[in-house]
């Protein structure tokens, strides 16, 4: 009975930990159609081995991306130009998936976690550095403008 109690406690802790990561993924997914980084970081915190990480992220991304595709289509965002860009990227994506699959099966789990952490940190740095000019513009507008002007500045930046 004590082992089931510990198991329930672990499951509840995992669920509680998942909530902020799920919220962050939803926020990013809604804002920029990229819910992935928090999900990857969550997998890192759980110390999932490469195969578990792959399966869990697939299980997370498939429904999210399908819903997004339907939403984008309903909003008229899936234009011929967008679809042509996606088709042009497809060979590179397929090649990268093939290489990633081989690496996933052959790489040491600790090295895998280090590589994933480095990629996530690098992408985070890139996102922050590209956002810095926009943040300083918003902060400058905030200190000198009305809420309407701040909203207009934010809209112009988007």
Protein backbone atom coordinates (compact mmCIF):
# COMPACT_ATOMS: atom_id res chain seq x y z
CA UNK A 1 0.00 0.00 0.00
CA UNK A 2 2.90 2.38 0.75
CA UNK A 3 4.32 1.84 -2.75
CA UNK A 4 1.02 2.80 -4.35
CA UNK A 5 0.90 5.86 -2.08
CA UNK A 6 4.40 6.87 -3.23
CA UNK A 7 3.43 6.20 -6.82
CA UNK A 8 0.33 8.40 -6.46
CA UNK A 9 2.42 11.12 -4.85
CA UNK A 10 4.95 10.97 -7.70
CA UNK A 11 2.17 11.06 -10.30
CA UNK A 12 0.52 14.04 -8.60
CA UNK A 13 3.87 15.84 -8.40
CA UNK A 14 4.47 15.17 -12.10
CA UNK A 15 1.02 16.53 -12.92
CA UNK A 16 1.60 19.64 -10.80
CA UNK A 17 4.95 20.23 -12.50
CA UNK A 18 3.35 19.81 -15.92
CA UNK A 19 0.84 22.62 -15.37
CA UNK A 20 3.19 25.63 -15.65
CA UNK A 21 5.02 24.04 -18.58
CA UNK A 22 1.69 23.35 -20.28
CA UNK A 23 0.59 26.93 -19.67
CA UNK A 24 3.84 28.28 -21.12
CA UNK A 25 3.48 25.99 -24.14
CA UNK A 26 -0.08 27.16 -24.68
CA UNK A 27 0.94 30.79 -24.34
CA UNK A 28 3.75 30.41 -26.88
CA UNK A 29 1.58 28.31 -29.16
CA UNK A 30 -1.12 30.96 -29.17
CA UNK A 31 1.27 33.89 -29.49
CA UNK A 32 3.76 32.62 -32.06
CA UNK A 33 2.57 29.12 -33.05
CA UNK A 34 5.60 27.53 -31.36
CA UNK A 35 4.66 25.61 -28.21
CA UNK A 36 7.77 23.45 -28.22
CA UNK A 37 10.45 24.96 -25.97
CA UNK A 38 8.56 24.58 -22.67
CA UNK A 39 7.63 21.00 -23.60
CA UNK A 40 11.27 20.19 -24.31
CA UNK A 41 12.40 21.83 -21.06
CA UNK A 42 9.75 19.83 -19.19
CA UNK A 43 11.18 16.63 -20.70
CA UNK A 44 14.62 17.75 -19.58
CA UNK A 45 13.40 18.30 -16.02
CA UNK A 46 11.90 14.80 -16.02
CA UNK A 47 15.28 13.43 -17.26
CA UNK A 48 13.55 11.42 -19.99
CA UNK A 49 15.82 9.18 -22.02
CA UNK A 50 16.02 10.00 -25.75
CA UNK A 51 13.34 7.50 -26.82
CA UNK A 52 10.88 8.62 -24.13
CA UNK A 53 11.51 12.27 -24.99
CA UNK A 54 10.80 11.56 -28.63
CA UNK A 55 7.56 9.68 -27.95
CA UNK A 56 6.26 12.16 -25.37
CA UNK A 57 6.98 15.16 -27.58
CA UNK A 58 5.35 13.46 -30.56
CA UNK A 59 2.31 12.75 -28.42
CA UNK A 60 2.23 16.42 -27.41
CA UNK A 61 2.94 18.00 -30.81
CA UNK A 62 0.69 15.95 -33.08
CA UNK A 63 -2.66 17.11 -31.68
CA UNK A 64 -1.38 20.66 -31.08
CA UNK A 65 -0.13 21.02 -34.65
CA UNK A 66 -3.26 19.46 -36.17
CA UNK A 67 -5.45 21.91 -34.26
CA UNK A 68 -3.18 24.76 -35.35
CA UNK A 69 -3.40 23.71 -39.00
CA UNK A 70 -7.19 23.77 -38.88
CA UNK A 71 -7.14 27.16 -37.13
CA UNK A 72 -4.68 28.59 -39.67
CA UNK A 73 -6.78 27.27 -42.53
CA UNK A 74 -9.97 28.74 -41.04
CA UNK A 75 -8.20 32.10 -40.67
CA UNK A 76 -7.06 31.99 -44.32
CA UNK A 77 -3.38 31.81 -43.39
CA UNK A 78 -2.57 28.67 -45.39
CA UNK A 79 -1.99 30.46 -48.67
CA UNK A 80 -0.35 29.03 -51.76
CA UNK A 81 2.85 30.88 -50.86
CA UNK A 82 2.94 29.41 -47.35
CA UNK A 83 2.27 25.90 -48.66
CA UNK A 84 5.00 26.31 -51.30
CA UNK A 85 7.48 27.33 -48.57
CA UNK A 86 6.46 24.31 -46.50
CA UNK A 87 6.90 22.01 -49.51
CA UNK A 88 10.34 23.51 -50.21
CA UNK A 89 11.41 22.86 -46.61
CA UNK A 90 10.10 19.28 -46.60
CA UNK A 91 13.23 17.55 -48.01
CA UNK A 92 15.42 19.21 -45.37
CA UNK A 93 12.96 18.32 -42.63
CA UNK A 94 12.85 14.69 -43.77
CA UNK A 95 16.65 14.48 -43.88
CA UNK A 96 16.93 16.04 -40.42
CA UNK A 97 14.33 13.62 -39.01
CA UNK A 98 16.30 10.69 -40.42
CA UNK A 99 19.56 11.94 -38.89
CA UNK A 100 17.81 12.75 -35.60
CA UNK A 101 16.30 9.25 -35.47
CA UNK A 102 19.73 7.65 -35.89
CA UNK A 103 21.25 9.93 -33.25
CA UNK A 104 18.34 9.33 -30.89
CA UNK A 105 19.00 5.60 -30.93
CA UNK A 106 22.79 5.73 -30.71
CA UNK A 107 23.63 8.60 -28.43
CA UNK A 108 24.29 8.34 -24.71
CA UNK A 109 21.26 9.67 -22.75
CA UNK A 110 23.38 12.11 -20.71
CA UNK A 111 25.02 13.47 -23.85
CA UNK A 112 21.55 13.69 -25.44
CA UNK A 113 20.26 15.82 -22.54
CA UNK A 114 23.32 18.08 -22.80
CA UNK A 115 22.83 18.56 -26.53
CA UNK A 116 19.11 19.30 -26.10
CA UNK A 117 19.83 21.76 -23.28
CA UNK A 118 22.46 23.52 -25.40
CA UNK A 119 20.09 23.82 -28.35
CA UNK A 120 17.24 25.14 -26.17
CA UNK A 121 19.54 27.66 -24.47
CA UNK A 122 20.97 28.76 -27.81
CA UNK A 123 17.53 29.24 -29.32
CA UNK A 124 16.38 31.07 -26.19
CA UNK A 125 19.35 33.42 -26.45
CA UNK A 126 18.60 34.01 -30.14
CA UNK A 127 14.95 34.80 -29.37
CA UNK A 128 15.87 37.16 -26.52
CA UNK A 129 18.52 38.97 -28.54
CA UNK A 130 16.17 39.44 -31.48
CA UNK A 131 13.45 40.75 -29.14
CA UNK A 132 15.70 43.24 -27.33
CA UNK A 133 15.23 46.14 -29.77
CA UNK A 134 11.46 45.70 -29.64
CA UNK A 135 11.42 45.59 -25.85
CA UNK A 136 13.43 48.81 -25.58
CA UNK A 137 11.00 50.48 -28.03
CA UNK A 138 8.03 49.37 -25.92
CA UNK A 139 9.70 50.51 -22.70
CA UNK A 140 10.44 53.91 -24.22
CA UNK A 141 6.82 54.21 -25.40
CA UNK A 142 5.56 53.19 -21.96
CA UNK A 143 7.48 55.90 -20.16
CA UNK A 144 6.26 58.70 -22.44
CA UNK A 145 2.89 57.63 -23.85
CA UNK A 146 -0.70 56.84 -23.09
CA UNK A 147 -1.96 53.24 -23.00
CA UNK A 148 -3.40 53.74 -26.51
CA UNK A 149 -0.01 54.82 -27.88
CA UNK A 150 1.67 51.84 -26.20
CA UNK A 151 -0.87 49.48 -27.77
CA UNK A 152 -0.31 51.11 -31.19
CA UNK A 153 3.47 50.73 -30.80
CA UNK A 154 3.11 47.09 -29.82
CA UNK A 155 0.79 46.47 -32.78
CA UNK A 156 3.27 48.13 -35.15
CA UNK A 157 6.09 45.93 -33.85
CA UNK A 158 4.06 42.78 -34.45
